[in-house]
Amino acid sequence: MNEKDIQFLADESCDFTVVRALRALGYDVASVAESFASASDLQVLKIAVEEKRLLITEDKDFGEWIFAHGEAMSGVLLIRFPANIRSDLGQAVSVLVATHGSDLVKSFTVLEPGRARIRKIQ
């Protein structure tokens, strides 16, 4: 899979700088805030699966839906960045996608400053 073939769904909790950064690089990024405002976490997860989109979120509850409840997913990118370095957020996500794009599909990934943990989910 070519990295540019990956499509994303940005949860309402996702900083919009991430959406802008990925769109600027030519990625297809749908936004819950723009298209599905006030959708529940479970609805967002189902939309991502139906549309084959990798979910980008800052909401840890998605981990519970996947690991505790066994919900299906196309991939989840959980962003964990402290307030004092959020100016690097768009760049950090862009670099992660450029270097590990296909690895993110069907994975639960946690992105923190300086590292990413990618866990494949079968």
PDB file of N, CA and C in Angstrom:
ATOM      1  N   MET A   1       0.837  -1.182   0.000  1.00  0.00           N
ATOM      2  CA  MET A   1       0.000   0.000   0.000  1.00  0.00           C
ATOM      3  C   MET A   1       0.883   1.247   0.000  1.00  0.00           C
ATOM      4  N   ASN A   2       0.572   2.153  -0.879  1.00  0.00           N
ATOM      5  CA  ASN A   2       1.257   3.440  -0.929  1.00  0.00           C
ATOM      6  C   ASN A   2       0.747   4.300   0.221  1.00  0.00           C
ATOM      7  N   GLU A   3       1.651   5.010   0.891  1.00  0.00           N
ATOM      8  CA  GLU A   3       1.258   5.836   2.030  1.00  0.00           C
ATOM      9  C   GLU A   3       0.175   6.850   1.662  1.00  0.00           C
ATOM     10  N   LYS A   4       0.206   7.375   0.447  1.00  0.00           N
ATOM     11  CA  LYS A   4      -0.790   8.372   0.030  1.00  0.00           C
ATOM     12  C   LYS A   4      -2.174   7.757  -0.138  1.00  0.00           C
ATOM     13  N   ASP A   5      -2.256   6.407  -0.183  1.00  0.00           N
ATOM     14  CA  ASP A   5      -3.551   5.739  -0.288  1.00  0.00           C
ATOM     15  C   ASP A   5      -4.278   5.675   1.047  1.00  0.00           C
ATOM     16  N   ILE A   6      -3.573   5.930   2.125  1.00  0.00           N
ATOM     17  CA  ILE A   6      -4.188   5.891   3.448  1.00  0.00           C
ATOM     18  C   ILE A   6      -5.115   7.089   3.600  1.00  0.00           C
ATOM     19  N   GLN A   7      -6.326   6.807   4.063  1.00  0.00           N
ATOM     20  CA  GLN A   7      -7.296   7.862   4.328  1.00  0.00           C
ATOM     21  C   GLN A   7      -7.483   7.965   5.832  1.00  0.00           C
ATOM     22  N   PHE A   8      -7.751   9.156   6.312  1.00  0.00           N
ATOM     23  CA  PHE A   8      -7.827   9.419   7.736  1.00  0.00           C
ATOM     24  C   PHE A   8      -9.182   9.987   8.124  1.00  0.00           C
ATOM     25  N   LEU A   9      -9.542   9.757   9.395  1.00  0.00           N
ATOM     26  CA  LEU A   9     -10.687  10.393  10.009  1.00  0.00           C
ATOM     27  C   LEU A   9     -10.189  11.015  11.304  1.00  0.00           C
ATOM     28  N   ALA A  10     -10.249  12.326  11.384  1.00  0.00           N
ATOM     29  CA  ALA A  10      -9.803  13.039  12.578  1.00  0.00           C
ATOM     30  C   ALA A  10     -10.976  13.203  13.534  1.00  0.00           C
ATOM     31  N   ASP A  11     -10.840  12.642  14.722  1.00  0.00           N
ATOM     32  CA  ASP A  11     -11.851  12.763  15.761  1.00  0.00           C
ATOM     33  C   ASP A  11     -11.972  14.225  16.188  1.00  0.00           C
ATOM     34  N   GLU A  12     -13.075  14.570  16.835  1.00  0.00           N
ATOM     35  CA  GLU A  12     -13.263  15.950  17.323  1.00  0.00           C
ATOM     36  C   GLU A  12     -12.171  16.357  18.301  1.00  0.00           C
ATOM     37  N   SER A  13     -11.596  15.389  19.002  1.00  0.00           N
ATOM     38  CA  SER A  13     -10.541  15.708  19.970  1.00  0.00           C
ATOM     39  C   SER A  13      -9.192  15.988  19.306  1.00  0.00           C
ATOM     40  N   CYS A  14      -9.080  15.668  18.036  1.00  0.00           N
ATOM     41  CA  CYS A  14      -7.812  15.841  17.318  1.00  0.00           C
ATOM     42  C   CYS A  14      -7.567  17.321  17.016  1.00  0.00           C
ATOM     43  N   ASP A  15      -6.400  17.797  17.385  1.00  0.00           N
ATOM     44  CA  ASP A  15      -6.001  19.179  17.104  1.00  0.00           C
ATOM     45  C   ASP A  15      -6.075  19.409  15.591  1.00  0.00           C
ATOM     46  N   PHE A  16      -6.749  20.472  15.174  1.00  0.00           N
ATOM     47  CA  PHE A  16      -6.961  20.696  13.740  1.00  0.00           C
ATOM     48  C   PHE A  16      -5.665  20.995  12.982  1.00  0.00           C
ATOM     49  N   THR A  17      -4.597  21.324  13.672  1.00  0.00           N
ATOM     50  CA  THR A  17      -3.316  21.508  12.974  1.00  0.00           C
ATOM     51  C   THR A  17      -2.868  20.206  12.322  1.00  0.00           C
ATOM     52  N   VAL A  18      -3.251  19.074  12.905  1.00  0.00           N
ATOM     53  CA  VAL A  18      -2.926  17.767  12.320  1.00  0.00           C
ATOM     54  C   VAL A  18      -3.681  17.591  11.006  1.00  0.00           C
ATOM     55  N   VAL A  19      -4.960  17.934  11.011  1.00  0.00           N
ATOM     56  CA  VAL A  19      -5.778  17.837   9.795  1.00  0.00           C
ATOM     57  C   VAL A  19      -5.180  18.713   8.701  1.00  0.00           C
ATOM     58  N   ARG A  20      -4.867  19.949   9.033  1.00  0.00           N
ATOM     59  CA  ARG A  20      -4.296  20.867   8.037  1.00  0.00           C
ATOM     60  C   ARG A  20      -2.948  20.363   7.512  1.00  0.00           C
ATOM     61  N   ALA A  21      -2.101  19.857   8.403  1.00  0.00           N
ATOM     62  CA  ALA A  21      -0.779  19.382   7.986  1.00  0.00           C
ATOM     63  C   ALA A  21      -0.886  18.202   7.029  1.00  0.00           C
ATOM     64  N   LEU A  22      -1.757  17.237   7.333  1.00  0.00           N
ATOM     65  CA  LEU A  22      -1.906  16.073   6.455  1.00  0.00           C
ATOM     66  C   LEU A  22      -2.570  16.448   5.130  1.00  0.00           C
ATOM     67  N   ARG A  23      -3.562  17.319   5.182  1.00  0.00           N
ATOM     68  CA  ARG A  23      -4.201  17.770   3.934  1.00  0.00           C
ATOM     69  C   ARG A  23      -3.196  18.511   3.052  1.00  0.00           C
ATOM     70  N   ALA A  24      -2.330  19.298   3.660  1.00  0.00           N
ATOM     71  CA  ALA A  24      -1.317  20.038   2.893  1.00  0.00           C
ATOM     72  C   ALA A  24      -0.363  19.100   2.177  1.00  0.00           C
ATOM     73  N   LEU A  25      -0.193  17.898   2.707  1.00  0.00           N
ATOM     74  CA  LEU A  25       0.676  16.896   2.082  1.00  0.00           C
ATOM     75  C   LEU A  25      -0.071  16.024   1.077  1.00  0.00           C
ATOM     76  N   GLY A  26      -1.351  16.297   0.885  1.00  0.00           N
ATOM     77  CA  GLY A  26      -2.131  15.577  -0.124  1.00  0.00           C
ATOM     78  C   GLY A  26      -2.919  14.388   0.389  1.00  0.00           C
ATOM     79  N   TYR A  27      -2.995  14.210   1.705  1.00  0.00           N
ATOM     80  CA  TYR A  27      -3.759  13.097   2.258  1.00  0.00           C
ATOM     81  C   TYR A  27      -5.239  13.432   2.324  1.00  0.00           C
ATOM     82  N   ASP A  28      -6.068  12.400   2.182  1.00  0.00           N
ATOM     83  CA  ASP A  28      -7.518  12.518   2.312  1.00  0.00           C
ATOM     84  C   ASP A  28      -7.832  12.432   3.807  1.00  0.00           C
ATOM     85  N   VAL A  29      -8.254  13.547   4.393  1.00  0.00           N
ATOM     86  CA  VAL A  29      -8.540  13.597   5.826  1.00  0.00           C
ATOM     87  C   VAL A  29      -9.961  14.123   6.021  1.00  0.00           C
ATOM     88  N   ALA A  30     -10.849  13.242   6.474  1.00  0.00           N
ATOM     89  CA  ALA A  30     -12.193  13.657   6.859  1.00  0.00           C
ATOM     90  C   ALA A  30     -12.136  14.080   8.324  1.00  0.00           C
ATOM     91  N   SER A  31     -12.992  14.993   8.680  1.00  0.00           N
ATOM     92  CA  SER A  31     -13.002  15.513  10.048  1.00  0.00           C
ATOM     93  C   SER A  31     -14.365  15.299  10.681  1.00  0.00           C
ATOM     94  N   VAL A  32     -14.377  14.689  11.861  1.00  0.00           N
ATOM     95  CA  VAL A  32     -15.630  14.499  12.585  1.00  0.00           C
ATOM     96  C   VAL A  32     -16.270  15.864  12.859  1.00  0.00           C
ATOM     97  N   ALA A  33     -15.472  16.839  13.235  1.00  0.00           N
ATOM     98  CA  ALA A  33     -15.993  18.178  13.535  1.00  0.00           C
ATOM     99  C   ALA A  33     -16.689  18.795  12.324  1.00  0.00           C
ATOM    100  N   GLU A  34     -16.200  18.511  11.133  1.00  0.00           N
ATOM    101  CA  GLU A  34     -16.785  19.075   9.911  1.00  0.00           C
ATOM    102  C   GLU A  34     -17.982  18.276   9.395  1.00  0.00           C
ATOM    103  N   SER A  35     -17.955  16.958   9.551  1.00  0.00           N
ATOM    104  CA  SER A  35     -18.966  16.115   8.909  1.00  0.00           C
ATOM    105  C   SER A  35     -19.865  15.320   9.845  1.00  0.00           C
ATOM    106  N   PHE A  36     -19.395  15.020  11.041  1.00  0.00           N
ATOM    107  CA  PHE A  36     -20.156  14.154  11.953  1.00  0.00           C
ATOM    108  C   PHE A  36     -20.176  14.729  13.363  1.00  0.00           C
ATOM    109  N   ALA A  37     -20.331  16.025  13.491  1.00  0.00           N
ATOM    110  CA  ALA A  37     -20.260  16.685  14.802  1.00  0.00           C
ATOM    111  C   ALA A  37     -21.158  15.994  15.821  1.00  0.00           C
ATOM    112  N   SER A  38     -20.645  15.853  17.020  1.00  0.00           N
ATOM    113  CA  SER A  38     -21.344  15.258  18.165  1.00  0.00           C
ATOM    114  C   SER A  38     -21.583  13.758  18.050  1.00  0.00           C
ATOM    115  N   ALA A  39     -20.928  13.084  17.115  1.00  0.00           N
ATOM    116  CA  ALA A  39     -21.044  11.622  17.027  1.00  0.00           C
ATOM    117  C   ALA A  39     -20.370  11.008  18.257  1.00  0.00           C
ATOM    118  N   SER A  40     -20.932   9.914  18.742  1.00  0.00           N
ATOM    119  CA  SER A  40     -20.345   9.230  19.896  1.00  0.00           C
ATOM    120  C   SER A  40     -19.034   8.549  19.463  1.00  0.00           C
ATOM    121  N   ASP A  41     -18.236   8.171  20.450  1.00  0.00           N
ATOM    122  CA  ASP A  41     -16.978   7.474  20.135  1.00  0.00           C
ATOM    123  C   ASP A  41     -17.239   6.211  19.327  1.00  0.00           C
ATOM    124  N   LEU A  42     -18.240   5.438  19.719  1.00  0.00           N
ATOM    125  CA  LEU A  42     -18.541   4.204  18.997  1.00  0.00           C
ATOM    126  C   LEU A  42     -18.991   4.507  17.568  1.00  0.00           C
ATOM    127  N   GLN A  43     -19.790   5.546  17.377  1.00  0.00           N
ATOM    128  CA  GLN A  43     -20.194   5.927  16.017  1.00  0.00           C
ATOM    129  C   GLN A  43     -18.980   6.337  15.189  1.00  0.00           C
ATOM    130  N   VAL A  44     -18.078   7.087  15.790  1.00  0.00           N
ATOM    131  CA  VAL A  44     -16.863   7.525  15.082  1.00  0.00           C
ATOM    132  C   VAL A  44     -16.037   6.320  14.667  1.00  0.00           C
ATOM    133  N   LEU A  45     -15.874   5.368  15.564  1.00  0.00           N
ATOM    134  CA  LEU A  45     -15.107   4.165  15.260  1.00  0.00           C
ATOM    135  C   LEU A  45     -15.757   3.391  14.112  1.00  0.00           C
ATOM    136  N   LYS A  46     -17.068   3.277  14.135  1.00  0.00           N
ATOM    137  CA  LYS A  46     -17.791   2.562  13.066  1.00  0.00           C
ATOM    138  C   LYS A  46     -17.674   3.301  11.728  1.00  0.00           C
ATOM    139  N   ILE A  47     -17.735   4.619  11.742  1.00  0.00           N
ATOM    140  CA  ILE A  47     -17.566   5.400  10.509  1.00  0.00           C
ATOM    141  C   ILE A  47     -16.173   5.156   9.932  1.00  0.00           C
ATOM    142  N   ALA A  48     -15.175   5.177  10.788  1.00  0.00           N
ATOM    143  CA  ALA A  48     -13.801   4.939  10.326  1.00  0.00           C
ATOM    144  C   ALA A  48     -13.677   3.562   9.673  1.00  0.00           C
ATOM    145  N   VAL A  49     -14.293   2.549  10.269  1.00  0.00           N
ATOM    146  CA  VAL A  49     -14.237   1.193   9.709  1.00  0.00           C
ATOM    147  C   VAL A  49     -14.988   1.141   8.379  1.00  0.00           C
ATOM    148  N   GLU A  50     -16.211   1.681   8.350  1.00  0.00           N
ATOM    149  CA  GLU A  50     -17.022   1.658   7.127  1.00  0.00           C
ATOM    150  C   GLU A  50     -16.317   2.354   5.968  1.00  0.00           C
ATOM    151  N   GLU A  51     -15.635   3.467   6.267  1.00  0.00           N
ATOM    152  CA  GLU A  51     -14.969   4.238   5.215  1.00  0.00           C
ATOM    153  C   GLU A  51     -13.498   3.857   5.038  1.00  0.00           C
ATOM    154  N   LYS A  52     -13.059   2.829   5.786  1.00  0.00           N
ATOM    155  CA  LYS A  52     -11.671   2.347   5.716  1.00  0.00           C
ATOM    156  C   LYS A  52     -10.676   3.482   5.969  1.00  0.00           C
ATOM    157  N   ARG A  53     -10.924   4.216   7.045  1.00  0.00           N
ATOM    158  CA  ARG A  53     -10.080   5.347   7.416  1.00  0.00           C
ATOM    159  C   ARG A  53      -9.363   5.059   8.723  1.00  0.00           C
ATOM    160  N   LEU A  54      -8.152   5.530   8.820  1.00  0.00           N
ATOM    161  CA  LEU A  54      -7.380   5.437  10.044  1.00  0.00           C
ATOM    162  C   LEU A  54      -7.821   6.585  10.950  1.00  0.00           C
ATOM    163  N   LEU A  55      -8.231   6.265  12.149  1.00  0.00           N
ATOM    164  CA  LEU A  55      -8.753   7.264  13.080  1.00  0.00           C
ATOM    165  C   LEU A  55      -7.602   7.953  13.813  1.00  0.00           C
ATOM    166  N   ILE A  56      -7.624   9.272  13.791  1.00  0.00           N
ATOM    167  CA  ILE A  56      -6.649  10.068  14.545  1.00  0.00           C
ATOM    168  C   ILE A  56      -7.409  10.715  15.704  1.00  0.00           C
ATOM    169  N   THR A  57      -6.916  10.501  16.917  1.00  0.00           N
ATOM    170  CA  THR A  57      -7.629  10.998  18.090  1.00  0.00           C
ATOM    171  C   THR A  57      -6.664  11.366  19.208  1.00  0.00           C
ATOM    172  N   GLU A  58      -7.175  12.112  20.159  1.00  0.00           N
ATOM    173  CA  GLU A  58      -6.445  12.379  21.395  1.00  0.00           C
ATOM    174  C   GLU A  58      -7.242  11.837  22.579  1.00  0.00           C
ATOM    175  N   ASP A  59      -8.245  11.026  22.298  1.00  0.00           N
ATOM    176  CA  ASP A  59      -9.163  10.466  23.282  1.00  0.00           C
ATOM    177  C   ASP A  59      -8.768   9.017  23.605  1.00  0.00           C
ATOM    178  N   LYS A  60      -8.299   8.782  24.815  1.00  0.00           N
ATOM    179  CA  LYS A  60      -7.851   7.449  25.233  1.00  0.00           C
ATOM    180  C   LYS A  60      -8.985   6.426  25.270  1.00  0.00           C
ATOM    181  N   ASP A  61     -10.235   6.874  25.286  1.00  0.00           N
ATOM    182  CA  ASP A  61     -11.367   5.942  25.342  1.00  0.00           C
ATOM    183  C   ASP A  61     -11.398   4.973  24.161  1.00  0.00           C
ATOM    184  N   PHE A  62     -10.822   5.358  23.039  1.00  0.00           N
ATOM    185  CA  PHE A  62     -10.816   4.460  21.881  1.00  0.00           C
ATOM    186  C   PHE A  62     -10.013   3.195  22.166  1.00  0.00           C
ATOM    187  N   GLY A  63      -8.998   3.297  23.003  1.00  0.00           N
ATOM    188  CA  GLY A  63      -8.250   2.105  23.402  1.00  0.00           C
ATOM    189  C   GLY A  63      -9.145   1.120  24.130  1.00  0.00           C
ATOM    190  N   GLU A  64     -10.012   1.633  24.984  1.00  0.00           N
ATOM    191  CA  GLU A  64     -10.949   0.756  25.694  1.00  0.00           C
ATOM    192  C   GLU A  64     -11.912   0.077  24.728  1.00  0.00           C
ATOM    193  N   TRP A  65     -12.442   0.842  23.765  1.00  0.00           N
ATOM    194  CA  TRP A  65     -13.357   0.243  22.786  1.00  0.00           C
ATOM    195  C   TRP A  65     -12.694  -0.908  22.032  1.00  0.00           C
ATOM    196  N   ILE A  66     -11.432  -0.751  21.703  1.00  0.00           N
ATOM    197  CA  ILE A  66     -10.742  -1.764  20.906  1.00  0.00           C
ATOM    198  C   ILE A  66     -10.231  -2.922  21.762  1.00  0.00           C
ATOM    199  N   PHE A  67      -9.536  -2.606  22.854  1.00  0.00           N
ATOM    200  CA  PHE A  67      -8.904  -3.654  23.644  1.00  0.00           C
ATOM    201  C   PHE A  67      -9.852  -4.333  24.628  1.00  0.00           C
ATOM    202  N   ALA A  68     -10.744  -3.590  25.259  1.00  0.00           N
ATOM    203  CA  ALA A  68     -11.645  -4.187  26.250  1.00  0.00           C
ATOM    204  C   ALA A  68     -12.932  -4.722  25.623  1.00  0.00           C
ATOM    205  N   HIS A  69     -13.432  -4.016  24.603  1.00  0.00           N
ATOM    206  CA  HIS A  69     -14.709  -4.399  24.008  1.00  0.00           C
ATOM    207  C   HIS A  69     -14.563  -5.110  22.661  1.00  0.00           C
ATOM    208  N   GLY A  70     -13.356  -5.167  22.128  1.00  0.00           N
ATOM    209  CA  GLY A  70     -13.116  -5.895  20.879  1.00  0.00           C
ATOM    210  C   GLY A  70     -13.734  -5.284  19.648  1.00  0.00           C
ATOM    211  N   GLU A  71     -13.951  -3.967  19.657  1.00  0.00           N
ATOM    212  CA  GLU A  71     -14.528  -3.308  18.481  1.00  0.00           C
ATOM    213  C   GLU A  71     -13.546  -3.357  17.309  1.00  0.00           C
ATOM    214  N   ALA A  72     -14.106  -3.453  16.114  1.00  0.00           N
ATOM    215  CA  ALA A  72     -13.288  -3.457  14.897  1.00  0.00           C
ATOM    216  C   ALA A  72     -12.706  -2.064  14.673  1.00  0.00           C
ATOM    217  N   MET A  73     -11.584  -2.024  13.959  1.00  0.00           N
ATOM    218  CA  MET A  73     -10.971  -0.742  13.617  1.00  0.00           C
ATOM    219  C   MET A  73     -10.120  -0.909  12.372  1.00  0.00           C
ATOM    220  N   SER A  74      -9.921   0.203  11.671  1.00  0.00           N
ATOM    221  CA  SER A  74      -9.041   0.223  10.498  1.00  0.00           C
ATOM    222  C   SER A  74      -7.638   0.642  10.889  1.00  0.00           C
ATOM    223  N   GLY A  75      -7.521   1.164  12.091  1.00  0.00           N
ATOM    224  CA  GLY A  75      -6.271   1.686  12.621  1.00  0.00           C
ATOM    225  C   GLY A  75      -6.596   2.904  13.460  1.00  0.00           C
ATOM    226  N   VAL A  76      -5.856   3.077  14.543  1.00  0.00           N
ATOM    227  CA  VAL A  76      -6.052   4.228  15.415  1.00  0.00           C
ATOM    228  C   VAL A  76      -4.698   4.842  15.713  1.00  0.00           C
ATOM    229  N   LEU A  77      -4.623   6.144  15.584  1.00  0.00           N
ATOM    230  CA  LEU A  77      -3.444   6.905  15.978  1.00  0.00           C
ATOM    231  C   LEU A  77      -3.853   7.774  17.157  1.00  0.00           C
ATOM    232  N   LEU A  78      -3.365   7.409  18.346  1.00  0.00           N
ATOM    233  CA  LEU A  78      -3.653   8.154  19.567  1.00  0.00           C
ATOM    234  C   LEU A  78      -2.503   9.106  19.827  1.00  0.00           C
ATOM    235  N   ILE A  79      -2.812  10.387  19.835  1.00  0.00           N
ATOM    236  CA  ILE A  79      -1.790  11.426  20.037  1.00  0.00           C
ATOM    237  C   ILE A  79      -1.743  11.803  21.514  1.00  0.00           C
ATOM    238  N   ARG A  80      -0.546  11.767  22.089  1.00  0.00           N
ATOM    239  CA  ARG A  80      -0.330  12.127  23.492  1.00  0.00           C
ATOM    240  C   ARG A  80       0.790  13.160  23.551  1.00  0.00           C
ATOM    241  N   PHE A  81       0.458  14.408  23.357  1.00  0.00           N
ATOM    242  CA  PHE A  81       1.431  15.503  23.353  1.00  0.00           C
ATOM    243  C   PHE A  81       1.079  16.507  24.430  1.00  0.00           C
ATOM    244  N   PRO A  82       2.010  16.860  25.299  1.00  0.00           N
ATOM    245  CA  PRO A  82       1.730  17.871  26.325  1.00  0.00           C
ATOM    246  C   PRO A  82       1.567  19.258  25.705  1.00  0.00           C
ATOM    247  N   ALA A  83       0.881  20.106  26.424  1.00  0.00           N
ATOM    248  CA  ALA A  83       0.551  21.450  25.935  1.00  0.00           C
ATOM    249  C   ALA A  83       1.779  22.267  25.553  1.00  0.00           C
ATOM    250  N   ASN A  84       2.879  22.096  26.260  1.00  0.00           N
ATOM    251  CA  ASN A  84       4.047  22.952  26.013  1.00  0.00           C
ATOM    252  C   ASN A  84       4.785  22.654  24.709  1.00  0.00           C
ATOM    253  N   ILE A  85       4.485  21.564  24.027  1.00  0.00           N
ATOM    254  CA  ILE A  85       5.158  21.290  22.741  1.00  0.00           C
ATOM    255  C   ILE A  85       4.164  20.978  21.619  1.00  0.00           C
ATOM    256  N   ARG A  86       2.951  21.441  21.768  1.00  0.00           N
ATOM    257  CA  ARG A  86       1.931  21.164  20.749  1.00  0.00           C
ATOM    258  C   ARG A  86       2.225  21.848  19.419  1.00  0.00           C
ATOM    259  N   SER A  87       3.078  22.828  19.403  1.00  0.00           N
ATOM    260  CA  SER A  87       3.417  23.484  18.137  1.00  0.00           C
ATOM    261  C   SER A  87       4.113  22.509  17.190  1.00  0.00           C
ATOM    262  N   ASP A  88       4.670  21.416  17.698  1.00  0.00           N
ATOM    263  CA  ASP A  88       5.342  20.404  16.880  1.00  0.00           C
ATOM    264  C   ASP A  88       4.400  19.301  16.414  1.00  0.00           C
ATOM    265  N   LEU A  89       3.146  19.371  16.799  1.00  0.00           N
ATOM    266  CA  LEU A  89       2.210  18.276  16.566  1.00  0.00           C
ATOM    267  C   LEU A  89       1.986  17.934  15.093  1.00  0.00           C
ATOM    268  N   GLY A  90       1.675  18.918  14.279  1.00  0.00           N
ATOM    269  CA  GLY A  90       1.440  18.667  12.851  1.00  0.00           C
ATOM    270  C   GLY A  90       2.653  18.038  12.185  1.00  0.00           C
ATOM    271  N   GLN A  91       3.819  18.548  12.501  1.00  0.00           N
ATOM    272  CA  GLN A  91       5.067  18.013  11.952  1.00  0.00           C
ATOM    273  C   GLN A  91       5.295  16.574  12.418  1.00  0.00           C
ATOM    274  N   ALA A  92       5.069  16.296  13.690  1.00  0.00           N
ATOM    275  CA  ALA A  92       5.302  14.954  14.238  1.00  0.00           C
ATOM    276  C   ALA A  92       4.389  13.921  13.581  1.00  0.00           C
ATOM    277  N   VAL A  93       3.130  14.258  13.396  1.00  0.00           N
ATOM    278  CA  VAL A  93       2.195  13.331  12.742  1.00  0.00           C
ATOM    279  C   VAL A  93       2.581  13.152  11.279  1.00  0.00           C
ATOM    280  N   SER A  94       2.933  14.224  10.595  1.00  0.00           N
ATOM    281  CA  SER A  94       3.344  14.135   9.185  1.00  0.00           C
ATOM    282  C   SER A  94       4.554  13.225   9.018  1.00  0.00           C
ATOM    283  N   VAL A  95       5.534  13.364   9.890  1.00  0.00           N
ATOM    284  CA  VAL A  95       6.741  12.521   9.825  1.00  0.00           C
ATOM    285  C   VAL A  95       6.381  11.064  10.102  1.00  0.00           C
ATOM    286  N   LEU A  96       5.546  10.831  11.105  1.00  0.00           N
ATOM    287  CA  LEU A  96       5.128   9.459  11.419  1.00  0.00           C
ATOM    288  C   LEU A  96       4.444   8.814  10.223  1.00  0.00           C
ATOM    289  N   VAL A  97       3.520   9.515   9.609  1.00  0.00           N
ATOM    290  CA  VAL A  97       2.787   8.971   8.469  1.00  0.00           C
ATOM    291  C   VAL A  97       3.726   8.739   7.284  1.00  0.00           C
ATOM    292  N   ALA A  98       4.649   9.660   7.054  1.00  0.00           N
ATOM    293  CA  ALA A  98       5.587   9.518   5.936  1.00  0.00           C
ATOM    294  C   ALA A  98       6.531   8.335   6.133  1.00  0.00           C
ATOM    295  N   THR A  99       6.930   8.072   7.369  1.00  0.00           N
ATOM    296  CA  THR A  99       7.907   7.010   7.608  1.00  0.00           C
ATOM    297  C   THR A  99       7.290   5.662   7.957  1.00  0.00           C
ATOM    298  N   HIS A 100       6.081   5.649   8.521  1.00  0.00           N
ATOM    299  CA  HIS A 100       5.465   4.390   8.962  1.00  0.00           C
ATOM    300  C   HIS A 100       4.044   4.216   8.453  1.00  0.00           C
ATOM    301  N   GLY A 101       3.665   4.957   7.416  1.00  0.00           N
ATOM    302  CA  GLY A 101       2.277   4.973   6.958  1.00  0.00           C
ATOM    303  C   GLY A 101       1.592   3.637   6.888  1.00  0.00           C
ATOM    304  N   SER A 102       2.114   2.694   6.116  1.00  0.00           N
ATOM    305  CA  SER A 102       1.443   1.408   5.955  1.00  0.00           C
ATOM    306  C   SER A 102       1.453   0.588   7.241  1.00  0.00           C
ATOM    307  N   ASP A 103       2.417   0.827   8.130  1.00  0.00           N
ATOM    308  CA  ASP A 103       2.458   0.127   9.417  1.00  0.00           C
ATOM    309  C   ASP A 103       1.311   0.558  10.324  1.00  0.00           C
ATOM    310  N   LEU A 104       0.734   1.730  10.083  1.00  0.00           N
ATOM    311  CA  LEU A 104      -0.330   2.259  10.927  1.00  0.00           C
ATOM    312  C   LEU A 104      -1.677   1.595  10.654  1.00  0.00           C
ATOM    313  N   VAL A 105      -1.834   1.029   9.473  1.00  0.00           N
ATOM    314  CA  VAL A 105      -3.079   0.370   9.102  1.00  0.00           C
ATOM    315  C   VAL A 105      -3.235  -0.891   9.947  1.00  0.00           C
ATOM    316  N   LYS A 106      -4.430  -1.066  10.510  1.00  0.00           N
ATOM    317  CA  LYS A 106      -4.742  -2.207  11.392  1.00  0.00           C
ATOM    318  C   LYS A 106      -3.841  -2.251  12.617  1.00  0.00           C
ATOM    319  N   SER A 107      -3.402  -1.081  13.062  1.00  0.00           N
ATOM    320  CA  SER A 107      -2.567  -0.966  14.257  1.00  0.00           C
ATOM    321  C   SER A 107      -3.164   0.065  15.201  1.00  0.00           C
ATOM    322  N   PHE A 108      -2.835  -0.095  16.477  1.00  0.00           N
ATOM    323  CA  PHE A 108      -3.146   0.933  17.466  1.00  0.00           C
ATOM    324  C   PHE A 108      -1.817   1.587  17.783  1.00  0.00           C
ATOM    325  N   THR A 109      -1.673   2.846  17.399  1.00  0.00           N
ATOM    326  CA  THR A 109      -0.408   3.560  17.532  1.00  0.00           C
ATOM    327  C   THR A 109      -0.558   4.692  18.531  1.00  0.00           C
ATOM    328  N   VAL A 110       0.424   4.810  19.407  1.00  0.00           N
ATOM    329  CA  VAL A 110       0.459   5.918  20.355  1.00  0.00           C
ATOM    330  C   VAL A 110       1.655   6.776  19.981  1.00  0.00           C
ATOM    331  N   LEU A 111       1.390   8.030  19.650  1.00  0.00           N
ATOM    332  CA  LEU A 111       2.439   8.976  19.286  1.00  0.00           C
ATOM    333  C   LEU A 111       2.672   9.925  20.449  1.00  0.00           C
ATOM    334  N   GLU A 112       3.908   9.934  20.938  1.00  0.00           N
ATOM    335  CA  GLU A 112       4.337  10.824  22.001  1.00  0.00           C
ATOM    336  C   GLU A 112       5.554  11.585  21.509  1.00  0.00           C
ATOM    337  N   PRO A 113       5.921  12.659  22.149  1.00  0.00           N
ATOM    338  CA  PRO A 113       7.110  13.392  21.706  1.00  0.00           C
ATOM    339  C   PRO A 113       8.331  12.464  21.649  1.00  0.00           C
ATOM    340  N   GLY A 114       8.917  12.374  20.474  1.00  0.00           N
ATOM    341  CA  GLY A 114      10.140  11.593  20.316  1.00  0.00           C
ATOM    342  C   GLY A 114       9.971  10.102  20.114  1.00  0.00           C
ATOM    343  N   ARG A 115       8.721   9.583  20.166  1.00  0.00           N
ATOM    344  CA  ARG A 115       8.557   8.147  19.930  1.00  0.00           C
ATOM    345  C   ARG A 115       7.130   7.797  19.549  1.00  0.00           C
ATOM    346  N   ALA A 116       7.025   6.649  18.878  1.00  0.00           N
ATOM    347  CA  ALA A 116       5.722   6.100  18.516  1.00  0.00           C
ATOM    348  C   ALA A 116       5.734   4.613  18.833  1.00  0.00           C
ATOM    349  N   ARG A 117       4.670   4.150  19.460  1.00  0.00           N
ATOM    350  CA  ARG A 117       4.501   2.719  19.726  1.00  0.00           C
ATOM    351  C   ARG A 117       3.410   2.212  18.795  1.00  0.00           C
ATOM    352  N   ILE A 118       3.771   1.289  17.927  1.00  0.00           N
ATOM    353  CA  ILE A 118       2.836   0.744  16.945  1.00  0.00           C
ATOM    354  C   ILE A 118       2.548  -0.703  17.313  1.00  0.00           C
ATOM    355  N   ARG A 119       1.286  -0.980  17.590  1.00  0.00           N
ATOM    356  CA  ARG A 119       0.880  -2.331  17.980  1.00  0.00           C
ATOM    357  C   ARG A 119      -0.123  -2.852  16.967  1.00  0.00           C
ATOM    358  N   LYS A 120       0.276  -3.877  16.208  1.00  0.00           N
ATOM    359  CA  LYS A 120      -0.610  -4.484  15.212  1.00  0.00           C
ATOM    360  C   LYS A 120      -1.775  -5.183  15.906  1.00  0.00           C
ATOM    361  N   ILE A 121      -2.966  -5.031  15.363  1.00  0.00           N
ATOM    362  CA  ILE A 121      -4.171  -5.672  15.875  1.00  0.00           C
ATOM    363  C   ILE A 121      -4.692  -6.565  14.753  1.00  0.00           C
ATOM    364  N   GLN A 122      -4.836  -7.813  15.034  1.00  0.00           N
ATOM    365  CA  GLN A 122      -5.303  -8.767  13.997  1.00  0.00           C
ATOM    366  C   GLN A 122      -6.790  -8.909  13.994  1.00  0.00           C
TER     367      GLN A 122
END
